PDB file of N, CA and C in Angstrom:
ATOM      1  N   MET A   1      -5.775  26.741  -2.712  1.00  0.00           N
ATOM      2  CA  MET A   1      -6.683  25.994  -3.547  1.00  0.00           C
ATOM      3  C   MET A   1      -6.136  25.966  -4.955  1.00  0.00           C
ATOM      4  N   VAL A   2      -6.292  24.866  -5.626  1.00  0.00           N
ATOM      5  CA  VAL A   2      -5.809  24.705  -6.986  1.00  0.00           C
ATOM      6  C   VAL A   2      -6.788  25.397  -7.930  1.00  0.00           C
ATOM      7  N   ALA A   3      -6.240  26.145  -8.867  1.00  0.00           N
ATOM      8  CA  ALA A   3      -7.080  26.847  -9.832  1.00  0.00           C
ATOM      9  C   ALA A   3      -7.787  25.836 -10.721  1.00  0.00           C
ATOM     10  N   LYS A   4      -8.984  26.162 -11.132  1.00  0.00           N
ATOM     11  CA  LYS A   4      -9.765  25.287 -11.992  1.00  0.00           C
ATOM     12  C   LYS A   4      -9.119  25.249 -13.373  1.00  0.00           C
ATOM     13  N   ALA A   5      -8.796  24.047 -13.815  1.00  0.00           N
ATOM     14  CA  ALA A   5      -8.141  23.878 -15.102  1.00  0.00           C
ATOM     15  C   ALA A   5      -9.192  23.527 -16.144  1.00  0.00           C
ATOM     16  N   ALA A   6      -9.618  24.504 -16.891  1.00  0.00           N
ATOM     17  CA  ALA A   6     -10.660  24.288 -17.880  1.00  0.00           C
ATOM     18  C   ALA A   6     -10.088  23.864 -19.217  1.00  0.00           C
ATOM     19  N   SER A   7      -8.867  24.262 -19.505  1.00  0.00           N
ATOM     20  CA  SER A   7      -8.304  23.935 -20.805  1.00  0.00           C
ATOM     21  C   SER A   7      -7.337  22.768 -20.685  1.00  0.00           C
ATOM     22  N   ALA A   8      -7.121  22.110 -21.787  1.00  0.00           N
ATOM     23  CA  ALA A   8      -6.207  20.979 -21.838  1.00  0.00           C
ATOM     24  C   ALA A   8      -4.773  21.472 -21.779  1.00  0.00           C
ATOM     25  N   PRO A   9      -3.870  20.632 -21.248  1.00  0.00           N
ATOM     26  CA  PRO A   9      -2.462  21.030 -21.243  1.00  0.00           C
ATOM     27  C   PRO A   9      -2.000  21.295 -22.674  1.00  0.00           C
ATOM     28  N   LYS A  10      -1.139  22.293 -22.824  1.00  0.00           N
ATOM     29  CA  LYS A  10      -0.717  22.715 -24.148  1.00  0.00           C
ATOM     30  C   LYS A  10       0.468  21.911 -24.670  1.00  0.00           C
ATOM     31  N   SER A  11       1.072  21.073 -23.821  1.00  0.00           N
ATOM     32  CA  SER A  11       2.211  20.297 -24.264  1.00  0.00           C
ATOM     33  C   SER A  11       2.087  18.870 -23.757  1.00  0.00           C
ATOM     34  N   THR A  12       2.985  18.043 -24.231  1.00  0.00           N
ATOM     35  CA  THR A  12       3.001  16.664 -23.763  1.00  0.00           C
ATOM     36  C   THR A  12       3.554  16.627 -22.346  1.00  0.00           C
ATOM     37  N   PRO A  13       3.246  15.559 -21.587  1.00  0.00           N
ATOM     38  CA  PRO A  13       3.765  15.467 -20.223  1.00  0.00           C
ATOM     39  C   PRO A  13       5.296  15.501 -20.210  1.00  0.00           C
ATOM     40  N   SER A  14       5.842  16.059 -19.153  1.00  0.00           N
ATOM     41  CA  SER A  14       7.294  16.141 -19.022  1.00  0.00           C
ATOM     42  C   SER A  14       7.884  14.751 -18.833  1.00  0.00           C
ATOM     43  N   SER A  15       9.192  14.666 -18.944  1.00  0.00           N
ATOM     44  CA  SER A  15       9.852  13.375 -18.763  1.00  0.00           C
ATOM     45  C   SER A  15       9.688  12.877 -17.337  1.00  0.00           C
ATOM     46  N   ALA A  16       9.607  13.788 -16.351  1.00  0.00           N
ATOM     47  CA  ALA A  16       9.396  13.382 -14.961  1.00  0.00           C
ATOM     48  C   ALA A  16       8.017  12.751 -14.791  1.00  0.00           C
ATOM     49  N   VAL A  17       7.014  13.327 -15.441  1.00  0.00           N
ATOM     50  CA  VAL A  17       5.659  12.777 -15.368  1.00  0.00           C
ATOM     51  C   VAL A  17       5.615  11.410 -16.041  1.00  0.00           C
ATOM     52  N   THR A  18       6.228  11.299 -17.196  1.00  0.00           N
ATOM     53  CA  THR A  18       6.249  10.032 -17.922  1.00  0.00           C
ATOM     54  C   THR A  18       6.973   8.961 -17.109  1.00  0.00           C
ATOM     55  N   ALA A  19       8.093   9.320 -16.496  1.00  0.00           N
ATOM     56  CA  ALA A  19       8.848   8.367 -15.677  1.00  0.00           C
ATOM     57  C   ALA A  19       8.042   7.938 -14.456  1.00  0.00           C
ATOM     58  N   ALA A  20       7.381   8.894 -13.818  1.00  0.00           N
ATOM     59  CA  ALA A  20       6.572   8.573 -12.640  1.00  0.00           C
ATOM     60  C   ALA A  20       5.411   7.672 -13.022  1.00  0.00           C
ATOM     61  N   ALA A  21       4.783   7.957 -14.139  1.00  0.00           N
ATOM     62  CA  ALA A  21       3.645   7.151 -14.573  1.00  0.00           C
ATOM     63  C   ALA A  21       4.077   5.727 -14.914  1.00  0.00           C
ATOM     64  N   SER A  22       5.268   5.572 -15.474  1.00  0.00           N
ATOM     65  CA  SER A  22       5.727   4.235 -15.844  1.00  0.00           C
ATOM     66  C   SER A  22       6.063   3.383 -14.623  1.00  0.00           C
ATOM     67  N   LYS A  23       6.382   4.017 -13.492  1.00  0.00           N
ATOM     68  CA  LYS A  23       6.717   3.287 -12.272  1.00  0.00           C
ATOM     69  C   LYS A  23       5.492   2.973 -11.417  1.00  0.00           C
ATOM     70  N   MET A  24       4.365   3.586 -11.740  1.00  0.00           N
ATOM     71  CA  MET A  24       3.160   3.391 -10.938  1.00  0.00           C
ATOM     72  C   MET A  24       2.521   2.046 -11.266  1.00  0.00           C
ATOM     73  N   ALA A  25       1.881   1.467 -10.251  1.00  0.00           N
ATOM     74  CA  ALA A  25       1.112   0.252 -10.474  1.00  0.00           C
ATOM     75  C   ALA A  25      -0.071   0.596 -11.371  1.00  0.00           C
ATOM     76  N   PRO A  26      -0.468  -0.319 -12.214  1.00  0.00           N
ATOM     77  CA  PRO A  26      -1.588  -0.008 -13.093  1.00  0.00           C
ATOM     78  C   PRO A  26      -2.848   0.268 -12.278  1.00  0.00           C
ATOM     79  N   ALA A  27      -3.571   1.261 -12.692  1.00  0.00           N
ATOM     80  CA  ALA A  27      -4.812   1.617 -12.015  1.00  0.00           C
ATOM     81  C   ALA A  27      -5.863   0.563 -12.330  1.00  0.00           C
ATOM     82  N   PRO A  28      -6.783   0.379 -11.395  1.00  0.00           N
ATOM     83  CA  PRO A  28      -7.852  -0.568 -11.709  1.00  0.00           C
ATOM     84  C   PRO A  28      -8.641  -0.069 -12.914  1.00  0.00           C
ATOM     85  N   SER A  29      -9.079  -0.989 -13.708  1.00  0.00           N
ATOM     86  CA  SER A  29      -9.800  -0.620 -14.915  1.00  0.00           C
ATOM     87  C   SER A  29     -11.170  -0.048 -14.550  1.00  0.00           C
ATOM     88  N   ILE A  30     -11.386   1.185 -14.947  1.00  0.00           N
ATOM     89  CA  ILE A  30     -12.682   1.830 -14.751  1.00  0.00           C
ATOM     90  C   ILE A  30     -13.283   1.960 -16.138  1.00  0.00           C
ATOM     91  N   LEU A  31     -14.269   1.170 -16.404  1.00  0.00           N
ATOM     92  CA  LEU A  31     -14.816   1.115 -17.749  1.00  0.00           C
ATOM     93  C   LEU A  31     -15.802   2.241 -18.035  1.00  0.00           C
ATOM     94  N   ASN A  32     -16.428   2.723 -17.005  1.00  0.00           N
ATOM     95  CA  ASN A  32     -17.503   3.680 -17.153  1.00  0.00           C
ATOM     96  C   ASN A  32     -16.954   5.107 -17.174  1.00  0.00           C
ATOM     97  N   LEU A  33     -17.351   5.894 -18.166  1.00  0.00           N
ATOM     98  CA  LEU A  33     -16.892   7.276 -18.282  1.00  0.00           C
ATOM     99  C   LEU A  33     -17.305   8.094 -17.061  1.00  0.00           C
ATOM    100  N   THR A  34     -18.497   7.867 -16.560  1.00  0.00           N
ATOM    101  CA  THR A  34     -18.978   8.590 -15.377  1.00  0.00           C
ATOM    102  C   THR A  34     -18.081   8.307 -14.174  1.00  0.00           C
ATOM    103  N   ASP A  35     -17.664   7.055 -14.011  1.00  0.00           N
ATOM    104  CA  ASP A  35     -16.768   6.693 -12.907  1.00  0.00           C
ATOM    105  C   ASP A  35     -15.403   7.354 -13.067  1.00  0.00           C
ATOM    106  N   ARG A  36     -14.909   7.411 -14.301  1.00  0.00           N
ATOM    107  CA  ARG A  36     -13.618   8.077 -14.544  1.00  0.00           C
ATOM    108  C   ARG A  36     -13.702   9.567 -14.237  1.00  0.00           C
ATOM    109  N   LEU A  37     -14.815  10.197 -14.634  1.00  0.00           N
ATOM    110  CA  LEU A  37     -14.996  11.623 -14.336  1.00  0.00           C
ATOM    111  C   LEU A  37     -15.023  11.861 -12.822  1.00  0.00           C
ATOM    112  N   GLU A  38     -15.728  11.001 -12.094  1.00  0.00           N
ATOM    113  CA  GLU A  38     -15.808  11.144 -10.635  1.00  0.00           C
ATOM    114  C   GLU A  38     -14.435  10.908  -9.993  1.00  0.00           C
ATOM    115  N   ALA A  39     -13.708   9.916 -10.464  1.00  0.00           N
ATOM    116  CA  ALA A  39     -12.370   9.649  -9.926  1.00  0.00           C
ATOM    117  C   ALA A  39     -11.447  10.835 -10.168  1.00  0.00           C
ATOM    118  N   ASN A  40     -11.553  11.450 -11.338  1.00  0.00           N
ATOM    119  CA  ASN A  40     -10.722  12.612 -11.643  1.00  0.00           C
ATOM    120  C   ASN A  40     -11.110  13.797 -10.758  1.00  0.00           C
ATOM    121  N   ARG A  41     -12.401  13.979 -10.543  1.00  0.00           N
ATOM    122  CA  ARG A  41     -12.861  15.052  -9.651  1.00  0.00           C
ATOM    123  C   ARG A  41     -12.319  14.839  -8.245  1.00  0.00           C
ATOM    124  N   GLN A  42     -12.391  13.602  -7.763  1.00  0.00           N
ATOM    125  CA  GLN A  42     -11.876  13.292  -6.425  1.00  0.00           C
ATOM    126  C   GLN A  42     -10.371  13.500  -6.346  1.00  0.00           C
ATOM    127  N   GLU A  43      -9.663  13.204  -7.431  1.00  0.00           N
ATOM    128  CA  GLU A  43      -8.211  13.432  -7.453  1.00  0.00           C
ATOM    129  C   GLU A  43      -7.904  14.920  -7.331  1.00  0.00           C
ATOM    130  N   PHE A  44      -8.680  15.765  -7.985  1.00  0.00           N
ATOM    131  CA  PHE A  44      -8.458  17.206  -7.857  1.00  0.00           C
ATOM    132  C   PHE A  44      -8.779  17.704  -6.448  1.00  0.00           C
ATOM    133  N   VAL A  45      -9.748  17.093  -5.783  1.00  0.00           N
ATOM    134  CA  VAL A  45     -10.026  17.440  -4.382  1.00  0.00           C
ATOM    135  C   VAL A  45      -8.824  17.060  -3.522  1.00  0.00           C
ATOM    136  N   ARG A  46      -8.284  15.851  -3.743  1.00  0.00           N
ATOM    137  CA  ARG A  46      -7.102  15.395  -2.992  1.00  0.00           C
ATOM    138  C   ARG A  46      -5.915  16.314  -3.259  1.00  0.00           C
ATOM    139  N   LEU A  47      -5.727  16.698  -4.513  1.00  0.00           N
ATOM    140  CA  LEU A  47      -4.624  17.589  -4.864  1.00  0.00           C
ATOM    141  C   LEU A  47      -4.805  18.970  -4.240  1.00  0.00           C
ATOM    142  N   SER A  48      -6.018  19.426  -4.135  1.00  0.00           N
ATOM    143  CA  SER A  48      -6.286  20.718  -3.492  1.00  0.00           C
ATOM    144  C   SER A  48      -5.877  20.679  -2.018  1.00  0.00           C
ATOM    145  N   ASP A  49      -6.230  19.593  -1.352  1.00  0.00           N
ATOM    146  CA  ASP A  49      -5.833  19.439   0.055  1.00  0.00           C
ATOM    147  C   ASP A  49      -4.314  19.362   0.186  1.00  0.00           C
ATOM    148  N   TRP A  50      -3.686  18.641  -0.716  1.00  0.00           N
ATOM    149  CA  TRP A  50      -2.233  18.504  -0.708  1.00  0.00           C
ATOM    150  C   TRP A  50      -1.578  19.867  -0.929  1.00  0.00           C
ATOM    151  N   TYR A  51      -2.112  20.646  -1.869  1.00  0.00           N
ATOM    152  CA  TYR A  51      -1.592  21.986  -2.141  1.00  0.00           C
ATOM    153  C   TYR A  51      -1.708  22.877  -0.899  1.00  0.00           C
ATOM    154  N   ASP A  52      -2.866  22.829  -0.241  1.00  0.00           N
ATOM    155  CA  ASP A  52      -3.057  23.628   0.975  1.00  0.00           C
ATOM    156  C   ASP A  52      -2.043  23.250   2.043  1.00  0.00           C
ATOM    157  N   SER A  53      -1.776  21.952   2.170  1.00  0.00           N
ATOM    158  CA  SER A  53      -0.786  21.480   3.139  1.00  0.00           C
ATOM    159  C   SER A  53       0.611  21.989   2.785  1.00  0.00           C
ATOM    160  N   LEU A  54       0.969  21.930   1.515  1.00  0.00           N
ATOM    161  CA  LEU A  54       2.279  22.431   1.079  1.00  0.00           C
ATOM    162  C   LEU A  54       2.402  23.934   1.327  1.00  0.00           C
ATOM    163  N   LYS A  55       1.344  24.653   1.024  1.00  0.00           N
ATOM    164  CA  LYS A  55       1.356  26.101   1.221  1.00  0.00           C
ATOM    165  C   LYS A  55       1.540  26.436   2.702  1.00  0.00           C
ATOM    166  N   HIS A  56       0.859  25.695   3.565  1.00  0.00           N
ATOM    167  CA  HIS A  56       0.974  25.912   5.013  1.00  0.00           C
ATOM    168  C   HIS A  56       2.395  25.586   5.481  1.00  0.00           C
ATOM    169  N   GLU A  57       2.917  24.453   5.015  1.00  0.00           N
ATOM    170  CA  GLU A  57       4.264  24.024   5.393  1.00  0.00           C
ATOM    171  C   GLU A  57       5.323  25.017   4.922  1.00  0.00           C
ATOM    172  N   ARG A  58       5.105  25.602   3.753  1.00  0.00           N
ATOM    173  CA  ARG A  58       6.080  26.544   3.198  1.00  0.00           C
ATOM    174  C   ARG A  58       6.266  27.749   4.118  1.00  0.00           C
ATOM    175  N   GLY A  59       5.199  28.145   4.786  1.00  0.00           N
ATOM    176  CA  GLY A  59       5.283  29.278   5.697  1.00  0.00           C
ATOM    177  C   GLY A  59       6.210  29.036   6.874  1.00  0.00           C
ATOM    178  N   TYR A  60       6.475  27.773   7.191  1.00  0.00           N
ATOM    179  CA  TYR A  60       7.326  27.441   8.330  1.00  0.00           C
ATOM    180  C   TYR A  60       8.772  27.143   7.943  1.00  0.00           C
ATOM    181  N   LEU A  61       9.081  27.154   6.674  1.00  0.00           N
ATOM    182  CA  LEU A  61      10.451  26.864   6.237  1.00  0.00           C
ATOM    183  C   LEU A  61      11.395  28.006   6.598  1.00  0.00           C
ATOM    184  N   ARG A  62      12.604  27.639   6.971  1.00  0.00           N
ATOM    185  CA  ARG A  62      13.654  28.613   7.259  1.00  0.00           C
ATOM    186  C   ARG A  62      14.776  28.408   6.254  1.00  0.00           C
ATOM    187  N   LYS A  63      15.363  29.498   5.806  1.00  0.00           N
ATOM    188  CA  LYS A  63      16.406  29.424   4.779  1.00  0.00           C
ATOM    189  C   LYS A  63      17.578  28.541   5.187  1.00  0.00           C
ATOM    190  N   GLY A  64      17.942  28.546   6.420  1.00  0.00           N
ATOM    191  CA  GLY A  64      19.098  27.780   6.869  1.00  0.00           C
ATOM    192  C   GLY A  64      18.828  26.302   7.072  1.00  0.00           C
ATOM    193  N   ASP A  65      17.582  25.905   7.087  1.00  0.00           N
ATOM    194  CA  ASP A  65      17.220  24.506   7.326  1.00  0.00           C
ATOM    195  C   ASP A  65      17.153  23.760   5.993  1.00  0.00           C
ATOM    196  N   THR A  66      18.332  23.401   5.489  1.00  0.00           N
ATOM    197  CA  THR A  66      18.405  22.805   4.155  1.00  0.00           C
ATOM    198  C   THR A  66      17.694  21.458   4.071  1.00  0.00           C
ATOM    199  N   ASP A  67      17.719  20.673   5.143  1.00  0.00           N
ATOM    200  CA  ASP A  67      17.041  19.381   5.119  1.00  0.00           C
ATOM    201  C   ASP A  67      15.534  19.565   4.932  1.00  0.00           C
ATOM    202  N   ALA A  68      14.964  20.516   5.665  1.00  0.00           N
ATOM    203  CA  ALA A  68      13.527  20.775   5.549  1.00  0.00           C
ATOM    204  C   ALA A  68      13.180  21.340   4.175  1.00  0.00           C
ATOM    205  N   VAL A  69      14.036  22.201   3.647  1.00  0.00           N
ATOM    206  CA  VAL A  69      13.790  22.776   2.325  1.00  0.00           C
ATOM    207  C   VAL A  69      13.865  21.687   1.260  1.00  0.00           C
ATOM    208  N   GLU A  70      14.843  20.800   1.364  1.00  0.00           N
ATOM    209  CA  GLU A  70      14.961  19.703   0.397  1.00  0.00           C
ATOM    210  C   GLU A  70      13.761  18.770   0.478  1.00  0.00           C
ATOM    211  N   ALA A  71      13.309  18.466   1.701  1.00  0.00           N
ATOM    212  CA  ALA A  71      12.136  17.605   1.876  1.00  0.00           C
ATOM    213  C   ALA A  71      10.901  18.278   1.278  1.00  0.00           C
ATOM    214  N   TYR A  72      10.763  19.578   1.511  1.00  0.00           N
ATOM    215  CA  TYR A  72       9.635  20.327   0.943  1.00  0.00           C
ATOM    216  C   TYR A  72       9.686  20.302  -0.586  1.00  0.00           C
ATOM    217  N   ASN A  73      10.866  20.551  -1.144  1.00  0.00           N
ATOM    218  CA  ASN A  73      11.014  20.562  -2.605  1.00  0.00           C
ATOM    219  C   ASN A  73      10.696  19.190  -3.214  1.00  0.00           C
ATOM    220  N   THR A  74      11.093  18.125  -2.535  1.00  0.00           N
ATOM    221  CA  THR A  74      10.782  16.770  -2.998  1.00  0.00           C
ATOM    222  C   THR A  74       9.272  16.551  -2.999  1.00  0.00           C
ATOM    223  N   GLU A  75       8.622  16.951  -1.923  1.00  0.00           N
ATOM    224  CA  GLU A  75       7.165  16.797  -1.820  1.00  0.00           C
ATOM    225  C   GLU A  75       6.455  17.665  -2.867  1.00  0.00           C
ATOM    226  N   ALA A  76       6.947  18.878  -3.077  1.00  0.00           N
ATOM    227  CA  ALA A  76       6.352  19.768  -4.075  1.00  0.00           C
ATOM    228  C   ALA A  76       6.512  19.189  -5.485  1.00  0.00           C
ATOM    229  N   ALA A  77       7.634  18.545  -5.760  1.00  0.00           N
ATOM    230  CA  ALA A  77       7.839  17.918  -7.067  1.00  0.00           C
ATOM    231  C   ALA A  77       6.869  16.754  -7.261  1.00  0.00           C
ATOM    232  N   LYS A  78       6.633  15.984  -6.207  1.00  0.00           N
ATOM    233  CA  LYS A  78       5.657  14.892  -6.284  1.00  0.00           C
ATOM    234  C   LYS A  78       4.262  15.452  -6.545  1.00  0.00           C
ATOM    235  N   TYR A  79       3.940  16.544  -5.888  1.00  0.00           N
ATOM    236  CA  TYR A  79       2.641  17.187  -6.099  1.00  0.00           C
ATOM    237  C   TYR A  79       2.500  17.639  -7.554  1.00  0.00           C
ATOM    238  N   GLN A  80       3.531  18.278  -8.088  1.00  0.00           N
ATOM    239  CA  GLN A  80       3.479  18.763  -9.466  1.00  0.00           C
ATOM    240  C   GLN A  80       3.292  17.605 -10.453  1.00  0.00           C
ATOM    241  N   THR A  81       3.951  16.484 -10.184  1.00  0.00           N
ATOM    242  CA  THR A  81       3.806  15.309 -11.037  1.00  0.00           C
ATOM    243  C   THR A  81       2.374  14.783 -10.981  1.00  0.00           C
ATOM    244  N   ALA A  82       1.828  14.662  -9.772  1.00  0.00           N
ATOM    245  CA  ALA A  82       0.452  14.184  -9.612  1.00  0.00           C
ATOM    246  C   ALA A  82      -0.536  15.143 -10.269  1.00  0.00           C
ATOM    247  N   LEU A  83      -0.284  16.435 -10.143  1.00  0.00           N
ATOM    248  CA  LEU A  83      -1.153  17.433 -10.762  1.00  0.00           C
ATOM    249  C   LEU A  83      -1.123  17.306 -12.283  1.00  0.00           C
ATOM    250  N   GLN A  84       0.053  17.128 -12.849  1.00  0.00           N
ATOM    251  CA  GLN A  84       0.168  16.974 -14.307  1.00  0.00           C
ATOM    252  C   GLN A  84      -0.554  15.720 -14.776  1.00  0.00           C
ATOM    253  N   LEU A  85      -0.433  14.621 -14.019  1.00  0.00           N
ATOM    254  CA  LEU A  85      -1.133  13.397 -14.383  1.00  0.00           C
ATOM    255  C   LEU A  85      -2.645  13.608 -14.347  1.00  0.00           C
ATOM    256  N   ALA A  86      -3.137  14.294 -13.324  1.00  0.00           N
ATOM    257  CA  ALA A  86      -4.575  14.561 -13.213  1.00  0.00           C
ATOM    258  C   ALA A  86      -5.044  15.460 -14.357  1.00  0.00           C
ATOM    259  N   LYS A  87      -4.242  16.436 -14.725  1.00  0.00           N
ATOM    260  CA  LYS A  87      -4.601  17.318 -15.838  1.00  0.00           C
ATOM    261  C   LYS A  87      -4.612  16.556 -17.162  1.00  0.00           C
ATOM    262  N   THR A  88      -3.675  15.641 -17.328  1.00  0.00           N
ATOM    263  CA  THR A  88      -3.630  14.825 -18.534  1.00  0.00           C
ATOM    264  C   THR A  88      -4.882  13.964 -18.628  1.00  0.00           C
ATOM    265  N   GLU A  89      -5.273  13.352 -17.517  1.00  0.00           N
ATOM    266  CA  GLU A  89      -6.497  12.554 -17.481  1.00  0.00           C
ATOM    267  C   GLU A  89      -7.713  13.437 -17.753  1.00  0.00           C
ATOM    268  N   GLN A  90      -7.726  14.628 -17.183  1.00  0.00           N
ATOM    269  CA  GLN A  90      -8.836  15.558 -17.391  1.00  0.00           C
ATOM    270  C   GLN A  90      -8.961  15.919 -18.881  1.00  0.00           C
ATOM    271  N   ALA A  91      -7.837  16.138 -19.534  1.00  0.00           N
ATOM    272  CA  ALA A  91      -7.857  16.464 -20.969  1.00  0.00           C
ATOM    273  C   ALA A  91      -8.379  15.283 -21.778  1.00  0.00           C
ATOM    274  N   GLU A  92      -7.973  14.079 -21.421  1.00  0.00           N
ATOM    275  CA  GLU A  92      -8.455  12.885 -22.116  1.00  0.00           C
ATOM    276  C   GLU A  92      -9.961  12.727 -21.918  1.00  0.00           C
ATOM    277  N   LEU A  93     -10.423  12.967 -20.700  1.00  0.00           N
ATOM    278  CA  LEU A  93     -11.856  12.870 -20.423  1.00  0.00           C
ATOM    279  C   LEU A  93     -12.642  13.934 -21.176  1.00  0.00           C
ATOM    280  N   ALA A  94     -12.053  15.102 -21.318  1.00  0.00           N
ATOM    281  CA  ALA A  94     -12.724  16.169 -22.069  1.00  0.00           C
ATOM    282  C   ALA A  94     -12.896  15.751 -23.532  1.00  0.00           C
ATOM    283  N   LYS A  95     -11.890  15.095 -24.086  1.00  0.00           N
ATOM    284  CA  LYS A  95     -12.001  14.613 -25.463  1.00  0.00           C
ATOM    285  C   LYS A  95     -13.102  13.570 -25.569  1.00  0.00           C
ATOM    286  N   LEU A  96     -13.160  12.659 -24.595  1.00  0.00           N
ATOM    287  CA  LEU A  96     -14.170  11.586 -24.632  1.00  0.00           C
ATOM    288  C   LEU A  96     -15.587  12.145 -24.482  1.00  0.00           C
ATOM    289  N   THR A  97     -15.756  13.122 -23.612  1.00  0.00           N
ATOM    290  CA  THR A  97     -17.091  13.676 -23.421  1.00  0.00           C
ATOM    291  C   THR A  97     -17.502  14.544 -24.613  1.00  0.00           C
ATOM    292  N   ALA A  98     -16.548  15.132 -25.311  1.00  0.00           N
ATOM    293  CA  ALA A  98     -16.861  15.931 -26.489  1.00  0.00           C
ATOM    294  C   ALA A  98     -17.351  15.055 -27.640  1.00  0.00           C
ATOM    295  N   LYS A  99     -16.921  13.809 -27.669  1.00  0.00           N
ATOM    296  CA  LYS A  99     -17.320  12.881 -28.726  1.00  0.00           C
ATOM    297  C   LYS A  99     -18.760  12.421 -28.563  1.00  0.00           C
ATOM    298  N   LYS A 100     -19.284  12.533 -27.363  1.00  0.00           N
ATOM    299  CA  LYS A 100     -20.653  12.059 -27.092  1.00  0.00           C
ATOM    300  C   LYS A 100     -21.683  12.855 -27.797  1.00  0.00           C
TER     301      LYS A 100
END
């Protein structure tokens, strides 16, 4: 399970996160703050499931199976990028809700 991230990220997104975000299709415009908060909550639920899957898969990796290890590392890097994006959105939402 992903730990609850209560505080905002302490640094700017990494270059990998910025590059991944620039290649993504634009998200549909969600004008309502409540909808954005719910979408972010759902993203953390999805990321939690993804993390559990990675953790389970890691238990089956063998040191000599380089293809499987590389595939796992690629998937884990994608997860880390998605997690950073969700945390960045969460920090932005925290700023918006604090202004209310």
